[in-house]
Each structure stands twice: as structure tokens, then as C-alpha cells.
Amino acid sequence: MEAITTTSRVGDQLLCRPTVFYNDACFSAETNLQCSCGNEEQLSITPYESGFPFAQVYHFQQLISTSQLLARGMAKETAPFYQHFGAYTVNNLPTFYFKTVCDQCHQKRITVFSFGEQQPGLEVLTISGTWKLEEESSN
């Protein structure tokens, strides 16, 4: 897992199941990801350890355009009361991302997820999805 460091375009969404984890299951979230080449991999997400702040890609470094992230359904506009989590979030909770690369075809991908307490006593980790990532050259 690594951060995105260059301006990128978001491609097609890949199959990723399961996508929602509750309470204790959040802390050992494992999902199956199927790459477009047919390779199946397992992604493990650990809250407070996995991912980078999602605002890095659209606000601070502007690596992915907001029109792309909204059109692809990566996140939605955050409700006014939750704006401290960022302008775009998954389920109005703190949202994170990471980049991975397929072991077989070397396709770069971005996975977006949120984690937080949705209501008292209910922690939720939601994987918005995984998309192909086309990084633009830095020349």
C-alpha cells in the first residue's frame, strides 16, 4: 500500500467483496479483489494503520479531479455538519485511500474506504471500491 504521488485519471471499478464491516470485524477487515486480468487478491485494511487521508488526492495535492471522484462514485459531498472530515467522504465518516499494484498485470489501483463510529456503539468500515488508476507521467 502506498500513496498516490502524481496526477492520475480514474478508470473502471473492479470487483471487491465484501465491502462493509461492523464493530470488531472492522479491525481485521479482509476483502477479495478481482483485477481486470482475472487475478484475485486479498486486501487487508487495518484502521489507524492502513491508508492515507483522502483529502490529499482532491484538495491538498489535487492529484484526482473532484469531477472524476464524484462521477466514479468514489465518495460523495459531505453533509454540512461533517465538513471537518473533508469535502468528500464515504458515509460522512473519515475517508482514506491507498494505491496497490496487481501482482500479475501490474495495473495500478486505488481503494477508497471510510472508518468511524456511525452512531454510539457502532463502528463501521466501508470500502467504497477499488478503481483502475492511470498515472500521468511527470515529464
C-alpha atoms as a PDB file:
ATOM      1  CA  MET A   1       0.000   0.000   0.000  1.00  0.00           C
ATOM      2  CA  GLU A   2       1.314   3.383  -0.941  1.00  0.00           C
ATOM      3  CA  ALA A   3       0.190   6.949  -1.552  1.00  0.00           C
ATOM      4  CA  ILE A   4      -0.526   8.479  -4.944  1.00  0.00           C
ATOM      5  CA  THR A   5       2.191  10.945  -5.866  1.00  0.00           C
ATOM      6  CA  THR A   6       1.345  12.013  -9.437  1.00  0.00           C
ATOM      7  CA  THR A   7      -1.719  13.411 -11.167  1.00  0.00           C
ATOM      8  CA  SER A   8      -3.944  10.480 -12.117  1.00  0.00           C
ATOM      9  CA  ARG A   9      -7.071   9.516 -14.008  1.00  0.00           C
ATOM     10  CA  VAL A  10      -9.542   7.056 -12.513  1.00  0.00           C
ATOM     11  CA  GLY A  11     -10.586   4.101 -14.668  1.00  0.00           C
ATOM     12  CA  ASP A  12     -13.143   1.332 -14.313  1.00  0.00           C
ATOM     13  CA  GLN A  13     -14.189  -0.050 -10.955  1.00  0.00           C
ATOM     14  CA  LEU A  14     -13.007  -3.545 -10.031  1.00  0.00           C
ATOM     15  CA  LEU A  15     -14.973  -6.234  -8.202  1.00  0.00           C
ATOM     16  CA  CYS A  16     -14.364  -6.095  -4.442  1.00  0.00           C
ATOM     17  CA  ARG A  17     -16.313  -8.170  -1.882  1.00  0.00           C
ATOM     18  CA  PRO A  18     -17.254  -7.838   0.996  1.00  0.00           C
ATOM     19  CA  THR A  19     -17.324  -4.062   1.398  1.00  0.00           C
ATOM     20  CA  VAL A  20     -18.876  -3.341   4.813  1.00  0.00           C
ATOM     21  CA  PHE A  21     -17.566  -4.407   8.229  1.00  0.00           C
ATOM     22  CA  TYR A  22     -19.050  -3.705  11.668  1.00  0.00           C
ATOM     23  CA  ASN A  23     -17.541  -3.315  15.156  1.00  0.00           C
ATOM     24  CA  ASP A  24     -14.860  -5.973  15.854  1.00  0.00           C
ATOM     25  CA  ALA A  25     -14.784  -7.079  12.193  1.00  0.00           C
ATOM     26  CA  CYS A  26     -13.503  -3.588  11.289  1.00  0.00           C
ATOM     27  CA  PHE A  27     -10.165  -4.305  12.913  1.00  0.00           C
ATOM     28  CA  SER A  28      -9.365  -7.294  10.713  1.00  0.00           C
ATOM     29  CA  ALA A  29     -11.165  -6.302   7.513  1.00  0.00           C
ATOM     30  CA  GLU A  30     -10.210  -8.534   4.600  1.00  0.00           C
ATOM     31  CA  THR A  31     -11.809  -8.314   1.189  1.00  0.00           C
ATOM     32  CA  ASN A  32     -11.348 -10.181  -2.080  1.00  0.00           C
ATOM     33  CA  LEU A  33     -10.383  -8.083  -5.084  1.00  0.00           C
ATOM     34  CA  GLN A  34     -10.574  -9.263  -8.667  1.00  0.00           C
ATOM     35  CA  CYS A  35      -8.320  -7.425 -11.116  1.00  0.00           C
ATOM     36  CA  SER A  36      -9.371  -6.923 -14.736  1.00  0.00           C
ATOM     37  CA  CYS A  37      -6.742  -9.535 -15.732  1.00  0.00           C
ATOM     38  CA  GLY A  38      -8.652 -12.125 -13.658  1.00  0.00           C
ATOM     39  CA  ASN A  39      -6.124 -12.272 -10.823  1.00  0.00           C
ATOM     40  CA  GLU A  40      -7.762 -12.492  -7.394  1.00  0.00           C
ATOM     41  CA  GLU A  41      -6.044 -10.950  -4.390  1.00  0.00           C
ATOM     42  CA  GLN A  42      -6.931 -10.358  -0.776  1.00  0.00           C
ATOM     43  CA  LEU A  43      -6.755  -6.821   0.609  1.00  0.00           C
ATOM     44  CA  SER A  44      -6.382  -6.308   4.350  1.00  0.00           C
ATOM     45  CA  ILE A  45      -7.384  -2.999   5.893  1.00  0.00           C
ATOM     46  CA  THR A  46      -6.465  -2.133   9.466  1.00  0.00           C
ATOM     47  CA  PRO A  47      -7.983   1.091  10.857  1.00  0.00           C
ATOM     48  CA  TYR A  48      -5.441   3.640  12.089  1.00  0.00           C
ATOM     49  CA  GLU A  49      -2.694   1.834  10.122  1.00  0.00           C
ATOM     50  CA  SER A  50      -3.921   1.455   6.520  1.00  0.00           C
ATOM     51  CA  GLY A  51      -4.424   4.304   4.114  1.00  0.00           C
ATOM     52  CA  PHE A  52      -3.785   7.990   3.663  1.00  0.00           C
ATOM     53  CA  PRO A  53      -6.176  10.933   4.138  1.00  0.00           C
ATOM     54  CA  PHE A  54      -8.477  11.110   1.107  1.00  0.00           C
ATOM     55  CA  ALA A  55      -8.262  14.919   1.053  1.00  0.00           C
ATOM     56  CA  GLN A  56      -4.669  14.535  -0.218  1.00  0.00           C
ATOM     57  CA  VAL A  57      -5.881  13.415  -3.629  1.00  0.00           C
ATOM     58  CA  TYR A  58      -8.505  16.100  -4.309  1.00  0.00           C
ATOM     59  CA  HIS A  59      -7.630  19.066  -2.088  1.00  0.00           C
ATOM     60  CA  PHE A  60      -4.058  19.363  -0.857  1.00  0.00           C
ATOM     61  CA  GLN A  61      -2.212  17.903  -3.850  1.00  0.00           C
ATOM     62  CA  GLN A  62      -5.071  17.863  -6.411  1.00  0.00           C
ATOM     63  CA  LEU A  63      -3.991  14.521  -7.903  1.00  0.00           C
ATOM     64  CA  ILE A  64      -7.509  13.423  -8.926  1.00  0.00           C
ATOM     65  CA  SER A  65     -10.180  15.861 -10.061  1.00  0.00           C
ATOM     66  CA  THR A  66     -13.307  16.181  -7.960  1.00  0.00           C
ATOM     67  CA  SER A  67     -15.439  15.632 -11.070  1.00  0.00           C
ATOM     68  CA  GLN A  68     -13.778  12.216 -11.561  1.00  0.00           C
ATOM     69  CA  LEU A  69     -14.176  11.110  -7.970  1.00  0.00           C
ATOM     70  CA  LEU A  70     -17.861  12.084  -7.963  1.00  0.00           C
ATOM     71  CA  ALA A  71     -18.583  10.593 -11.405  1.00  0.00           C
ATOM     72  CA  ARG A  72     -16.922   7.289 -10.450  1.00  0.00           C
ATOM     73  CA  GLY A  73     -18.772   7.151  -7.116  1.00  0.00           C
ATOM     74  CA  MET A  74     -15.594   7.085  -5.044  1.00  0.00           C
ATOM     75  CA  ALA A  75     -17.101   9.465  -2.481  1.00  0.00           C
ATOM     76  CA  LYS A  76     -19.968  11.911  -2.106  1.00  0.00           C
ATOM     77  CA  GLU A  77     -20.192  15.501  -0.975  1.00  0.00           C
ATOM     78  CA  THR A  78     -20.032  15.568   2.800  1.00  0.00           C
ATOM     79  CA  ALA A  79     -23.073  16.772   4.736  1.00  0.00           C
ATOM     80  CA  PRO A  80     -22.552  20.282   6.203  1.00  0.00           C
ATOM     81  CA  PHE A  81     -22.330  19.089   9.814  1.00  0.00           C
ATOM     82  CA  TYR A  82     -19.463  16.685   8.955  1.00  0.00           C
ATOM     83  CA  GLN A  83     -17.305  19.016   6.837  1.00  0.00           C
ATOM     84  CA  HIS A  84     -14.431  18.665   9.320  1.00  0.00           C
ATOM     85  CA  PHE A  85     -13.891  15.183   7.793  1.00  0.00           C
ATOM     86  CA  GLY A  86     -13.338  16.727   4.345  1.00  0.00           C
ATOM     87  CA  ALA A  87     -15.448  17.992   1.461  1.00  0.00           C
ATOM     88  CA  TYR A  88     -15.881  14.462   0.035  1.00  0.00           C
ATOM     89  CA  THR A  89     -16.349  11.376   2.199  1.00  0.00           C
ATOM     90  CA  VAL A  90     -17.813   7.883   2.265  1.00  0.00           C
ATOM     91  CA  ASN A  91     -20.858   7.812   4.589  1.00  0.00           C
ATOM     92  CA  ASN A  92     -19.846  11.160   6.174  1.00  0.00           C
ATOM     93  CA  LEU A  93     -17.012   9.407   8.046  1.00  0.00           C
ATOM     94  CA  PRO A  94     -13.237   9.947   7.940  1.00  0.00           C
ATOM     95  CA  THR A  95     -12.181   8.706   4.493  1.00  0.00           C
ATOM     96  CA  PHE A  96      -8.874   7.210   3.397  1.00  0.00           C
ATOM     97  CA  TYR A  97      -7.270   5.725   0.295  1.00  0.00           C
ATOM     98  CA  PHE A  98      -4.277   3.667  -0.771  1.00  0.00           C
ATOM     99  CA  LYS A  99      -2.699   2.561  -4.039  1.00  0.00           C
ATOM    100  CA  THR A 100      -1.883  -1.057  -4.834  1.00  0.00           C
ATOM    101  CA  VAL A 101      -0.453  -2.804  -7.902  1.00  0.00           C
ATOM    102  CA  CYS A 102      -1.600  -6.140  -9.354  1.00  0.00           C
ATOM    103  CA  ASP A 103       0.990  -8.883  -8.926  1.00  0.00           C
ATOM    104  CA  GLN A 104       0.288 -10.282 -12.415  1.00  0.00           C
ATOM    105  CA  CYS A 105      -0.530  -7.434 -14.828  1.00  0.00           C
ATOM    106  CA  HIS A 106       0.979  -4.547 -12.786  1.00  0.00           C
ATOM    107  CA  GLN A 107      -2.214  -2.484 -13.106  1.00  0.00           C
ATOM    108  CA  LYS A 108      -2.223   0.347 -10.560  1.00  0.00           C
ATOM    109  CA  ARG A 109      -5.376   0.693  -8.462  1.00  0.00           C
ATOM    110  CA  ILE A 110      -6.863   2.982  -5.850  1.00  0.00           C
ATOM    111  CA  THR A 111      -9.014   1.737  -2.977  1.00  0.00           C
ATOM    112  CA  VAL A 112     -11.165   4.214  -1.033  1.00  0.00           C
ATOM    113  CA  PHE A 113     -12.663   3.453   2.386  1.00  0.00           C
ATOM    114  CA  SER A 114     -14.098   5.122   5.456  1.00  0.00           C
ATOM    115  CA  PHE A 115     -13.897   4.193   9.104  1.00  0.00           C
ATOM    116  CA  GLY A 116     -15.545   5.638  12.173  1.00  0.00           C
ATOM    117  CA  GLU A 117     -18.308   5.487  14.723  1.00  0.00           C
ATOM    118  CA  GLN A 118     -21.531   5.886  12.762  1.00  0.00           C
ATOM    119  CA  GLN A 119     -23.586   6.046  15.946  1.00  0.00           C
ATOM    120  CA  PRO A 120     -22.733   5.316  19.581  1.00  0.00           C
ATOM    121  CA  GLY A 121     -21.511   1.727  19.840  1.00  0.00           C
ATOM    122  CA  LEU A 122     -21.490   1.113  16.061  1.00  0.00           C
ATOM    123  CA  GLU A 123     -18.141   1.320  14.297  1.00  0.00           C
ATOM    124  CA  VAL A 124     -18.282   0.872  10.538  1.00  0.00           C
ATOM    125  CA  LEU A 125     -15.582   0.343   7.913  1.00  0.00           C
ATOM    126  CA  THR A 126     -16.980   0.781   4.399  1.00  0.00           C
ATOM    127  CA  ILE A 127     -14.943   0.144   1.274  1.00  0.00           C
ATOM    128  CA  SER A 128     -16.305   2.489  -1.374  1.00  0.00           C
ATOM    129  CA  GLY A 129     -14.490   0.463  -4.026  1.00  0.00           C
ATOM    130  CA  THR A 130     -11.319  -0.145  -5.984  1.00  0.00           C
ATOM    131  CA  TRP A 131     -10.675   1.503  -9.347  1.00  0.00           C
ATOM    132  CA  LYS A 132      -8.015   1.266 -12.040  1.00  0.00           C
ATOM    133  CA  LEU A 133      -5.581   4.154 -11.777  1.00  0.00           C
ATOM    134  CA  GLU A 134      -3.768   5.726 -14.715  1.00  0.00           C
ATOM    135  CA  GLU A 135      -0.924   7.910 -13.510  1.00  0.00           C
ATOM    136  CA  GLU A 136       0.205  10.674 -15.813  1.00  0.00           C
ATOM    137  CA  SER A 137       3.911  10.932 -16.457  1.00  0.00           C
ATOM    138  CA  SER A 138       5.729  13.655 -14.556  1.00  0.00           C
ATOM    139  CA  ASN A 139       7.681  14.875 -17.603  1.00  0.00           C
END
